[in-house]
Each structure stands twice: as structure tokens, then as C-alpha cells.
Amino acid sequence: MTRDRAEAVIRNIDVAGTLKKIIKSIDHKTRINDFIRYVDEVINSFRAQFDADVNTDAIINVTQKRHSIPIRDTRL
């Protein structure tokens, strides 16, 4: 958590951009529980990065990677 508004805005831009990519990756095979779980993992990853940055006073730098929701095999 930050009390610095400018930093919070920058963090929001990072998170929103990533969430937009994840949402665009949704298709008819995507299961809601998988989507929620993946978003939780991504948000937790951002939080860990933000916490690390606060401790080191570094500029926020989240590694860019292709975001897609893992799809489980549905065969019985």
C-alpha cells in the first residue's frame, strides 16, 4: 500500500494494463474459476513487486510477459 498518490496512479496503470491483456485473452473455453485464480496470482505478483520496490526505493519494473489464462484439460 502507498500513501503517495503519484505512485498509486503509476501502479494502477501497470495493473490495469495487465488486467486488460488478461481479459482480452478470455475465450469460450475459459472457466471462471481459472480466470479468478489467475487474476489473483497476477495481483499477488504485483503486490510482491510493489512491496519489494518500497523496501528498495526502486522504480516499478514488472517483467513483461504474455498473459493468458491456463486452460485445464477437461477430458474425463
PDB file of N, CA and C in Angstrom:
ATOM      1  N   MET A   1       0.840  -1.176   0.000  1.00  0.00           N
ATOM      2  CA  MET A   1       0.000   0.000   0.000  1.00  0.00           C
ATOM      3  C   MET A   1       0.885   1.238   0.000  1.00  0.00           C
ATOM      4  N   THR A   2       0.424   2.260  -0.678  1.00  0.00           N
ATOM      5  CA  THR A   2       1.170   3.501  -0.721  1.00  0.00           C
ATOM      6  C   THR A   2       0.258   4.667  -0.381  1.00  0.00           C
ATOM      7  N   ARG A   3       0.852   5.666   0.211  1.00  0.00           N
ATOM      8  CA  ARG A   3       0.107   6.899   0.505  1.00  0.00           C
ATOM      9  C   ARG A   3       0.464   8.000  -0.501  1.00  0.00           C
ATOM     10  N   ASP A   4       1.399   7.692  -1.387  1.00  0.00           N
ATOM     11  CA  ASP A   4       1.839   8.634  -2.411  1.00  0.00           C
ATOM     12  C   ASP A   4       0.926   8.502  -3.630  1.00  0.00           C
ATOM     13  N   ARG A   5       0.138   9.530  -3.888  1.00  0.00           N
ATOM     14  CA  ARG A   5      -0.856   9.468  -4.963  1.00  0.00           C
ATOM     15  C   ARG A   5      -0.217   9.212  -6.323  1.00  0.00           C
ATOM     16  N   ALA A   6       0.875   9.888  -6.616  1.00  0.00           N
ATOM     17  CA  ALA A   6       1.528   9.706  -7.919  1.00  0.00           C
ATOM     18  C   ALA A   6       1.979   8.261  -8.107  1.00  0.00           C
ATOM     19  N   GLU A   7       2.541   7.679  -7.061  1.00  0.00           N
ATOM     20  CA  GLU A   7       2.970   6.286  -7.137  1.00  0.00           C
ATOM     21  C   GLU A   7       1.764   5.353  -7.305  1.00  0.00           C
ATOM     22  N   ALA A   8       0.679   5.660  -6.612  1.00  0.00           N
ATOM     23  CA  ALA A   8      -0.527   4.839  -6.716  1.00  0.00           C
ATOM     24  C   ALA A   8      -1.091   4.884  -8.141  1.00  0.00           C
ATOM     25  N   VAL A   9      -1.051   6.036  -8.772  1.00  0.00           N
ATOM     26  CA  VAL A   9      -1.546   6.166 -10.150  1.00  0.00           C
ATOM     27  C   VAL A   9      -0.693   5.328 -11.095  1.00  0.00           C
ATOM     28  N   ILE A  10       0.621   5.371 -10.924  1.00  0.00           N
ATOM     29  CA  ILE A  10       1.516   4.589 -11.769  1.00  0.00           C
ATOM     30  C   ILE A  10       1.266   3.090 -11.558  1.00  0.00           C
ATOM     31  N   ARG A  11       1.098   2.694 -10.305  1.00  0.00           N
ATOM     32  CA  ARG A  11       0.816   1.290 -10.017  1.00  0.00           C
ATOM     33  C   ARG A  11      -0.502   0.867 -10.666  1.00  0.00           C
ATOM     34  N   ASN A  12      -1.489   1.729 -10.600  1.00  0.00           N
ATOM     35  CA  ASN A  12      -2.793   1.424 -11.185  1.00  0.00           C
ATOM     36  C   ASN A  12      -2.688   1.231 -12.696  1.00  0.00           C
ATOM     37  N   ILE A  13      -1.888   2.045 -13.341  1.00  0.00           N
ATOM     38  CA  ILE A  13      -1.695   1.920 -14.790  1.00  0.00           C
ATOM     39  C   ILE A  13      -1.075   0.562 -15.117  1.00  0.00           C
ATOM     40  N   ASP A  14      -0.073   0.163 -14.339  1.00  0.00           N
ATOM     41  CA  ASP A  14       0.566  -1.139 -14.561  1.00  0.00           C
ATOM     42  C   ASP A  14      -0.431  -2.278 -14.392  1.00  0.00           C
ATOM     43  N   VAL A  15      -1.178  -2.244 -13.312  1.00  0.00           N
ATOM     44  CA  VAL A  15      -2.134  -3.310 -13.022  1.00  0.00           C
ATOM     45  C   VAL A  15      -3.254  -3.325 -14.064  1.00  0.00           C
ATOM     46  N   ALA A  16      -3.796  -2.157 -14.373  1.00  0.00           N
ATOM     47  CA  ALA A  16      -4.903  -2.083 -15.326  1.00  0.00           C
ATOM     48  C   ALA A  16      -4.493  -2.581 -16.705  1.00  0.00           C
ATOM     49  N   GLY A  17      -3.295  -2.232 -17.145  1.00  0.00           N
ATOM     50  CA  GLY A  17      -2.818  -2.688 -18.448  1.00  0.00           C
ATOM     51  C   GLY A  17      -2.687  -4.199 -18.509  1.00  0.00           C
ATOM     52  N   THR A  18      -2.163  -4.764 -17.436  1.00  0.00           N
ATOM     53  CA  THR A  18      -2.016  -6.218 -17.379  1.00  0.00           C
ATOM     54  C   THR A  18      -3.370  -6.909 -17.328  1.00  0.00           C
ATOM     55  N   LEU A  19      -4.283  -6.380 -16.524  1.00  0.00           N
ATOM     56  CA  LEU A  19      -5.614  -6.976 -16.437  1.00  0.00           C
ATOM     57  C   LEU A  19      -6.347  -6.884 -17.773  1.00  0.00           C
ATOM     58  N   LYS A  20      -6.128  -5.814 -18.500  1.00  0.00           N
ATOM     59  CA  LYS A  20      -6.758  -5.677 -19.818  1.00  0.00           C
ATOM     60  C   LYS A  20      -6.279  -6.781 -20.754  1.00  0.00           C
ATOM     61  N   LYS A  21      -4.984  -7.085 -20.719  1.00  0.00           N
ATOM     62  CA  LYS A  21      -4.447  -8.166 -21.554  1.00  0.00           C
ATOM     63  C   LYS A  21      -5.044  -9.509 -21.156  1.00  0.00           C
ATOM     64  N   ILE A  22      -5.184  -9.729 -19.861  1.00  0.00           N
ATOM     65  CA  ILE A  22      -5.756 -10.992 -19.394  1.00  0.00           C
ATOM     66  C   ILE A  22      -7.208 -11.106 -19.854  1.00  0.00           C
ATOM     67  N   ILE A  23      -7.960 -10.037 -19.710  1.00  0.00           N
ATOM     68  CA  ILE A  23      -9.369 -10.059 -20.114  1.00  0.00           C
ATOM     69  C   ILE A  23      -9.500 -10.310 -21.614  1.00  0.00           C
ATOM     70  N   LYS A  24      -8.612  -9.713 -22.411  1.00  0.00           N
ATOM     71  CA  LYS A  24      -8.659  -9.935 -23.855  1.00  0.00           C
ATOM     72  C   LYS A  24      -8.339 -11.377 -24.230  1.00  0.00           C
ATOM     73  N   SER A  25      -7.650 -12.098 -23.341  1.00  0.00           N
ATOM     74  CA  SER A  25      -7.289 -13.484 -23.653  1.00  0.00           C
ATOM     75  C   SER A  25      -8.425 -14.466 -23.374  1.00  0.00           C
ATOM     76  N   ILE A  26      -9.522 -13.993 -22.802  1.00  0.00           N
ATOM     77  CA  ILE A  26     -10.654 -14.867 -22.481  1.00  0.00           C
ATOM     78  C   ILE A  26     -11.322 -15.340 -23.765  1.00  0.00           C
ATOM     79  N   ASP A  27     -11.656 -16.615 -23.791  1.00  0.00           N
ATOM     80  CA  ASP A  27     -12.440 -17.138 -24.900  1.00  0.00           C
ATOM     81  C   ASP A  27     -13.501 -18.080 -24.339  1.00  0.00           C
ATOM     82  N   HIS A  28     -14.203 -18.767 -25.217  1.00  0.00           N
ATOM     83  CA  HIS A  28     -15.317 -19.611 -24.788  1.00  0.00           C
ATOM     84  C   HIS A  28     -14.868 -20.817 -23.961  1.00  0.00           C
ATOM     85  N   LYS A  29     -13.584 -21.145 -23.983  1.00  0.00           N
ATOM     86  CA  LYS A  29     -13.077 -22.277 -23.205  1.00  0.00           C
ATOM     87  C   LYS A  29     -12.660 -21.880 -21.781  1.00  0.00           C
ATOM     88  N   THR A  30     -12.600 -20.590 -21.527  1.00  0.00           N
ATOM     89  CA  THR A  30     -12.121 -20.104 -20.236  1.00  0.00           C
ATOM     90  C   THR A  30     -13.137 -20.401 -19.135  1.00  0.00           C
ATOM     91  N   ARG A  31     -12.645 -20.994 -18.068  1.00  0.00           N
ATOM     92  CA  ARG A  31     -13.503 -21.274 -16.916  1.00  0.00           C
ATOM     93  C   ARG A  31     -13.357 -20.130 -15.922  1.00  0.00           C
ATOM     94  N   ILE A  32     -14.466 -19.723 -15.325  1.00  0.00           N
ATOM     95  CA  ILE A  32     -14.462 -18.580 -14.431  1.00  0.00           C
ATOM     96  C   ILE A  32     -13.521 -18.790 -13.249  1.00  0.00           C
ATOM     97  N   ASN A  33     -13.500 -19.997 -12.693  1.00  0.00           N
ATOM     98  CA  ASN A  33     -12.617 -20.254 -11.552  1.00  0.00           C
ATOM     99  C   ASN A  33     -11.148 -20.152 -11.931  1.00  0.00           C
ATOM    100  N   ASP A  34     -10.808 -20.602 -13.142  1.00  0.00           N
ATOM    101  CA  ASP A  34      -9.434 -20.474 -13.619  1.00  0.00           C
ATOM    102  C   ASP A  34      -9.075 -19.003 -13.817  1.00  0.00           C
ATOM    103  N   PHE A  35     -10.019 -18.244 -14.359  1.00  0.00           N
ATOM    104  CA  PHE A  35      -9.804 -16.816 -14.563  1.00  0.00           C
ATOM    105  C   PHE A  35      -9.554 -16.121 -13.227  1.00  0.00           C
ATOM    106  N   ILE A  36     -10.397 -16.368 -12.262  1.00  0.00           N
ATOM    107  CA  ILE A  36     -10.276 -15.727 -10.948  1.00  0.00           C
ATOM    108  C   ILE A  36      -8.952 -16.114 -10.291  1.00  0.00           C
ATOM    109  N   ARG A  37      -8.614 -17.382 -10.338  1.00  0.00           N
ATOM    110  CA  ARG A  37      -7.368 -17.863  -9.733  1.00  0.00           C
ATOM    111  C   ARG A  37      -6.165 -17.191 -10.395  1.00  0.00           C
ATOM    112  N   TYR A  38      -6.172 -17.093 -11.717  1.00  0.00           N
ATOM    113  CA  TYR A  38      -5.055 -16.493 -12.439  1.00  0.00           C
ATOM    114  C   TYR A  38      -4.933 -15.000 -12.120  1.00  0.00           C
ATOM    115  N   VAL A  39      -6.054 -14.305 -12.092  1.00  0.00           N
ATOM    116  CA  VAL A  39      -6.022 -12.878 -11.757  1.00  0.00           C
ATOM    117  C   VAL A  39      -5.482 -12.686 -10.337  1.00  0.00           C
ATOM    118  N   ASP A  40      -5.901 -13.530  -9.408  1.00  0.00           N
ATOM    119  CA  ASP A  40      -5.379 -13.459  -8.039  1.00  0.00           C
ATOM    120  C   ASP A  40      -3.859 -13.627  -8.019  1.00  0.00           C
ATOM    121  N   GLU A  41      -3.354 -14.588  -8.799  1.00  0.00           N
ATOM    122  CA  GLU A  41      -1.907 -14.810  -8.859  1.00  0.00           C
ATOM    123  C   GLU A  41      -1.188 -13.582  -9.419  1.00  0.00           C
ATOM    124  N   VAL A  42      -1.742 -13.002 -10.461  1.00  0.00           N
ATOM    125  CA  VAL A  42      -1.122 -11.827 -11.079  1.00  0.00           C
ATOM    126  C   VAL A  42      -1.124 -10.646 -10.108  1.00  0.00           C
ATOM    127  N   ILE A  43      -2.252 -10.415  -9.438  1.00  0.00           N
ATOM    128  CA  ILE A  43      -2.345  -9.320  -8.475  1.00  0.00           C
ATOM    129  C   ILE A  43      -1.360  -9.537  -7.329  1.00  0.00           C
ATOM    130  N   ASN A  44      -1.272 -10.767  -6.826  1.00  0.00           N
ATOM    131  CA  ASN A  44      -0.325 -11.061  -5.755  1.00  0.00           C
ATOM    132  C   ASN A  44       1.114 -10.834  -6.207  1.00  0.00           C
ATOM    133  N   SER A  45       1.392 -11.147  -7.462  1.00  0.00           N
ATOM    134  CA  SER A  45       2.720 -10.895  -8.011  1.00  0.00           C
ATOM    135  C   SER A  45       3.025  -9.398  -8.045  1.00  0.00           C
ATOM    136  N   PHE A  46       2.051  -8.604  -8.466  1.00  0.00           N
ATOM    137  CA  PHE A  46       2.224  -7.146  -8.450  1.00  0.00           C
ATOM    138  C   PHE A  46       2.457  -6.649  -7.031  1.00  0.00           C
ATOM    139  N   ARG A  47       1.658  -7.125  -6.091  1.00  0.00           N
ATOM    140  CA  ARG A  47       1.809  -6.689  -4.699  1.00  0.00           C
ATOM    141  C   ARG A  47       3.200  -6.999  -4.169  1.00  0.00           C
ATOM    142  N   ALA A  48       3.690  -8.193  -4.468  1.00  0.00           N
ATOM    143  CA  ALA A  48       5.029  -8.564  -4.019  1.00  0.00           C
ATOM    144  C   ALA A  48       6.077  -7.640  -4.636  1.00  0.00           C
ATOM    145  N   GLN A  49       5.901  -7.329  -5.913  1.00  0.00           N
ATOM    146  CA  GLN A  49       6.832  -6.421  -6.587  1.00  0.00           C
ATOM    147  C   GLN A  49       6.767  -5.027  -5.977  1.00  0.00           C
ATOM    148  N   PHE A  50       5.554  -4.546  -5.715  1.00  0.00           N
ATOM    149  CA  PHE A  50       5.402  -3.228  -5.110  1.00  0.00           C
ATOM    150  C   PHE A  50       6.038  -3.192  -3.725  1.00  0.00           C
ATOM    151  N   ASP A  51       5.829  -4.243  -2.937  1.00  0.00           N
ATOM    152  CA  ASP A  51       6.435  -4.315  -1.602  1.00  0.00           C
ATOM    153  C   ASP A  51       7.954  -4.313  -1.689  1.00  0.00           C
ATOM    154  N   ALA A  52       8.492  -5.048  -2.642  1.00  0.00           N
ATOM    155  CA  ALA A  52       9.940  -5.087  -2.827  1.00  0.00           C
ATOM    156  C   ALA A  52      10.464  -3.718  -3.237  1.00  0.00           C
ATOM    157  N   ASP A  53       9.711  -3.035  -4.102  1.00  0.00           N
ATOM    158  CA  ASP A  53      10.128  -1.711  -4.551  1.00  0.00           C
ATOM    159  C   ASP A  53      10.098  -0.699  -3.412  1.00  0.00           C
ATOM    160  N   VAL A  54       9.128  -0.813  -2.530  1.00  0.00           N
ATOM    161  CA  VAL A  54       9.045   0.098  -1.390  1.00  0.00           C
ATOM    162  C   VAL A  54      10.269  -0.083  -0.500  1.00  0.00           C
ATOM    163  N   ASN A  55      10.684  -1.329  -0.334  1.00  0.00           N
ATOM    164  CA  ASN A  55      11.829  -1.615   0.527  1.00  0.00           C
ATOM    165  C   ASN A  55      13.140  -1.152  -0.077  1.00  0.00           C
ATOM    166  N   THR A  56      13.213  -1.028  -1.402  1.00  0.00           N
ATOM    167  CA  THR A  56      14.465  -0.645  -2.051  1.00  0.00           C
ATOM    168  C   THR A  56      14.384   0.730  -2.710  1.00  0.00           C
ATOM    169  N   ASP A  57      13.215   1.370  -2.642  1.00  0.00           N
ATOM    170  CA  ASP A  57      13.008   2.663  -3.305  1.00  0.00           C
ATOM    171  C   ASP A  57      13.338   2.616  -4.793  1.00  0.00           C
ATOM    172  N   ALA A  58      13.090   1.491  -5.417  1.00  0.00           N
ATOM    173  CA  ALA A  58      13.357   1.325  -6.845  1.00  0.00           C
ATOM    174  C   ALA A  58      12.146   1.764  -7.653  1.00  0.00           C
ATOM    175  N   ILE A  59      12.367   2.000  -8.922  1.00  0.00           N
ATOM    176  CA  ILE A  59      11.269   2.313  -9.841  1.00  0.00           C
ATOM    177  C   ILE A  59      10.549   1.016 -10.152  1.00  0.00           C
ATOM    178  N   ILE A  60       9.221   1.063 -10.241  1.00  0.00           N
ATOM    179  CA  ILE A  60       8.433  -0.132 -10.515  1.00  0.00           C
ATOM    180  C   ILE A  60       8.815  -0.679 -11.883  1.00  0.00           C
ATOM    181  N   ASN A  61       9.156  -1.959 -11.906  1.00  0.00           N
ATOM    182  CA  ASN A  61       9.557  -2.598 -13.151  1.00  0.00           C
ATOM    183  C   ASN A  61       9.046  -4.023 -13.141  1.00  0.00           C
ATOM    184  N   VAL A  62       7.861  -4.237 -13.673  1.00  0.00           N
ATOM    185  CA  VAL A  62       7.271  -5.566 -13.731  1.00  0.00           C
ATOM    186  C   VAL A  62       7.683  -6.193 -15.050  1.00  0.00           C
ATOM    187  N   THR A  63       8.199  -7.398 -14.990  1.00  0.00           N
ATOM    188  CA  THR A  63       8.637  -8.091 -16.187  1.00  0.00           C
ATOM    189  C   THR A  63       7.460  -8.276 -17.139  1.00  0.00           C
ATOM    190  N   GLN A  64       7.661  -7.859 -18.369  1.00  0.00           N
ATOM    191  CA  GLN A  64       6.613  -8.004 -19.367  1.00  0.00           C
ATOM    192  C   GLN A  64       6.586  -9.447 -19.851  1.00  0.00           C
ATOM    193  N   LYS A  65       5.425 -10.046 -19.856  1.00  0.00           N
ATOM    194  CA  LYS A  65       5.264 -11.382 -20.395  1.00  0.00           C
ATOM    195  C   LYS A  65       3.864 -11.488 -20.966  1.00  0.00           C
ATOM    196  N   ARG A  66       3.695 -12.454 -21.821  1.00  0.00           N
ATOM    197  CA  ARG A  66       2.382 -12.675 -22.419  1.00  0.00           C
ATOM    198  C   ARG A  66       1.475 -13.286 -21.358  1.00  0.00           C
ATOM    199  N   HIS A  67       0.327 -12.668 -21.153  1.00  0.00           N
ATOM    200  CA  HIS A  67      -0.609 -13.158 -20.150  1.00  0.00           C
ATOM    201  C   HIS A  67      -1.726 -13.937 -20.819  1.00  0.00           C
ATOM    202  N   SER A  68      -1.893 -15.138 -20.347  1.00  0.00           N
ATOM    203  CA  SER A  68      -3.031 -15.928 -20.797  1.00  0.00           C
ATOM    204  C   SER A  68      -3.457 -16.835 -19.660  1.00  0.00           C
ATOM    205  N   ILE A  69      -4.709 -17.121 -19.625  1.00  0.00           N
ATOM    206  CA  ILE A  69      -5.259 -17.937 -18.567  1.00  0.00           C
ATOM    207  C   ILE A  69      -5.010 -19.401 -18.907  1.00  0.00           C
ATOM    208  N   PRO A  70      -4.378 -20.136 -18.009  1.00  0.00           N
ATOM    209  CA  PRO A  70      -4.150 -21.548 -18.310  1.00  0.00           C
ATOM    210  C   PRO A  70      -5.475 -22.295 -18.421  1.00  0.00           C
ATOM    211  N   ILE A  71      -5.583 -23.162 -19.400  1.00  0.00           N
ATOM    212  CA  ILE A  71      -6.812 -23.924 -19.596  1.00  0.00           C
ATOM    213  C   ILE A  71      -6.548 -25.365 -19.209  1.00  0.00           C
ATOM    214  N   ARG A  72      -7.377 -25.864 -18.333  1.00  0.00           N
ATOM    215  CA  ARG A  72      -7.239 -27.235 -17.880  1.00  0.00           C
ATOM    216  C   ARG A  72      -7.838 -28.194 -18.890  1.00  0.00           C
ATOM    217  N   ASP A  73      -7.260 -29.369 -18.951  1.00  0.00           N
ATOM    218  CA  ASP A  73      -7.796 -30.424 -19.795  1.00  0.00           C
ATOM    219  C   ASP A  73      -9.116 -30.891 -19.200  1.00  0.00           C
ATOM    220  N   THR A  74     -10.156 -30.929 -19.999  1.00  0.00           N
ATOM    221  CA  THR A  74     -11.481 -31.263 -19.483  1.00  0.00           C
ATOM    222  C   THR A  74     -11.898 -32.703 -19.787  1.00  0.00           C
ATOM    223  N   ARG A  75     -10.975 -33.500 -20.256  1.00  0.00           N
ATOM    224  CA  ARG A  75     -11.301 -34.907 -20.540  1.00  0.00           C
ATOM    225  C   ARG A  75     -11.559 -35.650 -19.241  1.00  0.00           C
ATOM    226  N   LEU A  76     -12.518 -36.546 -19.282  1.00  0.00           N
ATOM    227  CA  LEU A  76     -12.834 -37.354 -18.094  1.00  0.00           C
ATOM    228  C   LEU A  76     -11.994 -38.605 -18.036  1.00  0.00           C
TER     229      LEU A  76
END
